[in-house]
N, C-alpha and C. Protein backbone atom coordinates (compact mmCIF):
# COMPACT_ATOMS: atom_id res chain seq x y z
N MET A 1 -16.25 -10.37 41.65
CA MET A 1 -17.16 -11.47 41.82
C MET A 1 -18.39 -10.36 42.32
N LYS A 2 -19.84 -10.86 41.21
CA LYS A 2 -20.79 -9.69 41.59
C LYS A 2 -21.39 -10.31 42.41
N PHE A 3 -22.30 -9.05 43.08
CA PHE A 3 -23.33 -9.72 44.00
C PHE A 3 -24.05 -10.75 43.66
N LYS A 4 -24.65 -11.24 41.94
CA LYS A 4 -25.94 -12.18 41.50
C LYS A 4 -25.31 -12.91 41.24
N GLU A 5 -23.21 -13.06 41.35
CA GLU A 5 -23.01 -14.54 41.28
C GLU A 5 -23.05 -15.36 42.68
N ILE A 6 -22.81 -13.99 43.76
CA ILE A 6 -22.82 -14.65 45.23
C ILE A 6 -23.88 -15.65 45.85
N LYS A 7 -25.40 -14.44 44.86
CA LYS A 7 -26.63 -15.28 45.41
C LYS A 7 -26.62 -16.73 44.31
N LYS A 8 -26.03 -16.52 44.04
CA LYS A 8 -25.90 -18.62 43.09
C LYS A 8 -25.13 -19.59 43.48
N MET A 9 -24.80 -19.01 44.68
CA MET A 9 -23.62 -19.64 45.16
C MET A 9 -24.72 -20.78 46.55
N ASP A 10 -24.49 -22.08 46.86
CA ASP A 10 -24.88 -22.45 47.86
C ASP A 10 -23.87 -22.68 48.50
N SER A 11 -24.24 -22.40 49.88
CA SER A 11 -23.78 -22.05 51.39
C SER A 11 -22.05 -22.31 51.57
N LYS A 12 -21.53 -23.58 50.90
CA LYS A 12 -20.57 -24.56 51.05
C LYS A 12 -19.56 -23.77 50.07
N ASP A 13 -20.24 -23.38 49.52
CA ASP A 13 -19.35 -22.77 48.40
C ASP A 13 -18.92 -21.83 48.68
N ARG A 14 -20.41 -20.59 48.75
CA ARG A 14 -19.18 -19.15 49.83
C ARG A 14 -18.48 -19.40 50.65
N GLU A 15 -18.19 -20.39 51.31
CA GLU A 15 -17.32 -20.41 52.83
C GLU A 15 -16.25 -20.89 51.79
N LYS A 16 -16.40 -21.88 51.12
CA LYS A 16 -14.79 -22.22 50.67
C LYS A 16 -13.96 -21.03 49.33
N LYS A 17 -14.96 -20.33 48.86
CA LYS A 17 -14.67 -19.17 48.17
C LYS A 17 -14.13 -17.98 49.22
N LEU A 18 -15.08 -17.77 50.32
CA LEU A 18 -14.37 -17.31 51.01
C LEU A 18 -13.34 -16.80 51.72
N LYS A 19 -12.33 -18.06 52.34
CA LYS A 19 -11.60 -18.85 52.44
C LYS A 19 -10.59 -18.42 51.41
N GLU A 20 -10.51 -18.98 50.48
CA GLU A 20 -9.69 -18.61 49.28
C GLU A 20 -9.52 -16.92 49.30
N LEU A 21 -10.48 -16.16 49.42
CA LEU A 21 -10.35 -14.85 48.94
C LEU A 21 -9.52 -14.10 50.08
N LYS A 22 -9.62 -14.29 51.77
CA LYS A 22 -9.03 -14.01 52.59
C LYS A 22 -6.86 -14.75 52.74
N MET A 23 -7.58 -15.63 51.70
CA MET A 23 -5.78 -16.34 51.79
C MET A 23 -5.18 -15.51 51.03
N GLU A 24 -5.91 -15.42 49.47
CA GLU A 24 -5.39 -14.21 48.14
C GLU A 24 -4.97 -12.55 48.89
N LEU A 25 -5.43 -12.78 49.68
CA LEU A 25 -5.51 -10.85 49.72
C LEU A 25 -4.68 -11.32 51.17
N VAL A 26 -4.33 -12.07 51.66
CA VAL A 26 -2.82 -12.67 53.03
C VAL A 26 -1.51 -12.49 51.69
N LYS A 27 -1.79 -13.21 50.87
CA LYS A 27 -0.73 -13.18 49.90
C LYS A 27 -0.32 -12.19 49.13
N SER A 28 -1.84 -11.17 48.69
CA SER A 28 -1.41 -9.66 47.83
C SER A 28 -0.73 -8.94 48.83
N GLN A 29 -1.22 -8.99 50.23
CA GLN A 29 -0.23 -8.31 50.71
C GLN A 29 0.96 -8.33 50.98
N ALA A 30 1.65 -9.83 51.11
CA ALA A 30 2.89 -10.09 51.36
C ALA A 30 3.49 -9.81 49.69
N LYS A 31 3.03 -10.35 48.89
CA LYS A 31 3.10 -9.37 47.31
C LYS A 31 3.56 -7.94 47.33
N THR A 32 3.09 -7.33 47.83
CA THR A 32 2.62 -5.22 47.80
C THR A 32 4.21 -5.06 48.56
N THR A 33 4.50 -5.56 49.60
CA THR A 33 5.89 -4.89 49.59
C THR A 33 6.71 -5.21 49.17
N LYS A 34 7.30 -6.27 48.22
CA LYS A 34 8.12 -6.54 47.31
C LYS A 34 7.87 -5.90 46.27
N THR A 35 6.88 -6.02 45.24
CA THR A 35 6.62 -5.64 43.63
C THR A 35 5.69 -3.82 43.71
N GLY A 36 4.84 -3.70 44.60
CA GLY A 36 4.20 -2.63 44.79
C GLY A 36 2.57 -2.56 43.74
N ASN A 37 2.54 -3.75 43.47
CA ASN A 37 1.61 -3.52 42.86
C ASN A 37 0.62 -4.61 43.31
N THR A 38 -0.76 -4.32 43.86
CA THR A 38 -1.67 -5.00 44.25
C THR A 38 -3.41 -4.73 43.51
N ASN A 39 -3.87 -5.89 44.55
CA ASN A 39 -5.33 -5.38 44.29
C ASN A 39 -6.10 -6.06 45.20
N LYS A 40 -5.51 -5.60 46.47
CA LYS A 40 -6.26 -5.98 47.88
C LYS A 40 -7.25 -5.40 47.69
N LYS A 41 -8.05 -4.07 47.00
CA LYS A 41 -8.88 -3.37 47.56
C LYS A 41 -9.89 -3.78 46.64
N GLN A 42 -10.18 -4.59 45.53
CA GLN A 42 -10.69 -5.48 45.33
C GLN A 42 -11.34 -6.90 45.77
N ILE A 43 -9.78 -7.56 46.45
CA ILE A 43 -10.12 -8.77 46.79
C ILE A 43 -11.17 -8.25 48.21
N ARG A 44 -11.08 -7.19 49.19
CA ARG A 44 -12.24 -6.90 50.03
C ARG A 44 -13.38 -6.07 49.92
N LYS A 45 -13.64 -5.80 48.88
CA LYS A 45 -14.72 -5.48 48.28
C LYS A 45 -15.37 -6.51 47.95
N ILE A 46 -14.80 -7.64 47.08
CA ILE A 46 -15.80 -8.70 46.99
C ILE A 46 -15.63 -9.74 48.86
N ILE A 47 -14.59 -9.69 49.43
CA ILE A 47 -15.23 -10.14 50.98
C ILE A 47 -16.48 -9.05 51.86
N ALA A 48 -15.59 -8.14 51.41
CA ALA A 48 -17.74 -7.49 52.40
C ALA A 48 -18.98 -7.66 51.61
N ARG A 49 -18.48 -8.26 50.28
CA ARG A 49 -20.09 -8.19 49.24
C ARG A 49 -20.70 -9.78 50.53
N MET A 50 -19.80 -10.74 50.77
CA MET A 50 -19.81 -12.04 50.70
C MET A 50 -20.24 -11.84 52.02
N HIS A 51 -19.76 -11.06 53.11
CA HIS A 51 -20.27 -10.90 53.95
C HIS A 51 -21.45 -10.71 54.34
N THR A 52 -21.27 -9.21 53.57
CA THR A 52 -22.80 -8.97 53.62
C THR A 52 -23.64 -9.82 53.19
N PHE A 53 -23.80 -10.40 52.49
CA PHE A 53 -25.01 -11.48 52.08
C PHE A 53 -25.65 -12.80 52.91
N ASN A 54 -23.97 -13.44 53.65
CA ASN A 54 -24.46 -14.06 54.95
C ASN A 54 -24.98 -13.41 55.99
N ALA A 55 -24.81 -12.26 55.95
CA ALA A 55 -26.19 -11.55 57.17
C ALA A 55 -26.80 -11.78 56.27
N SER A 56 -27.24 -11.31 55.27
CA SER A 56 -28.71 -11.19 54.70
C SER A 56 -29.54 -12.40 55.06
N GLN A 57 -28.59 -13.50 54.42
CA GLN A 57 -28.91 -15.03 55.13
C GLN A 57 -29.59 -15.39 56.36
N LYS A 58 -28.86 -14.81 57.41
CA LYS A 58 -29.05 -14.81 58.78
C LYS A 58 -29.83 -14.28 59.31
N GLY A 59 -30.38 -13.64 58.53
CA GLY A 59 -31.69 -12.25 59.13
C GLY A 59 -31.10 -10.96 59.89
N GLY A 60 -29.67 -10.77 59.82
CA GLY A 60 -29.18 -9.36 59.76
C GLY A 60 -29.40 -8.31 59.30
N VAL A 61 -29.43 -8.35 57.99
CA VAL A 61 -30.24 -7.65 57.29
C VAL A 61 -31.21 -7.86 56.74
N GLU A 62 -32.39 -7.20 55.68
CA GLU A 62 -33.61 -7.10 56.04
C GLU A 62 -33.51 -7.62 54.11
N ASN A 63 -33.68 -8.22 53.38
CA ASN A 63 -34.14 -8.87 52.49
C ASN A 63 -35.61 -7.72 51.39
N LYS A 64 -34.56 -7.58 50.48
CA LYS A 64 -35.31 -6.15 49.36
C LYS A 64 -35.71 -6.65 48.55
């Protein structure tokens, strides 16, 4: 998910997607122990982007 896509979402959709991603991360971590295949890094990056955007909307980070 790109930053542009996150910008287009409203706050309720972002919160819903963030919860889904966190659940997917937990599932991915459990699956990793069994198979060794993972996409944890990608999920964590998307979660970080969403947290960054949310912080910028609340005034924590300057919009440019």
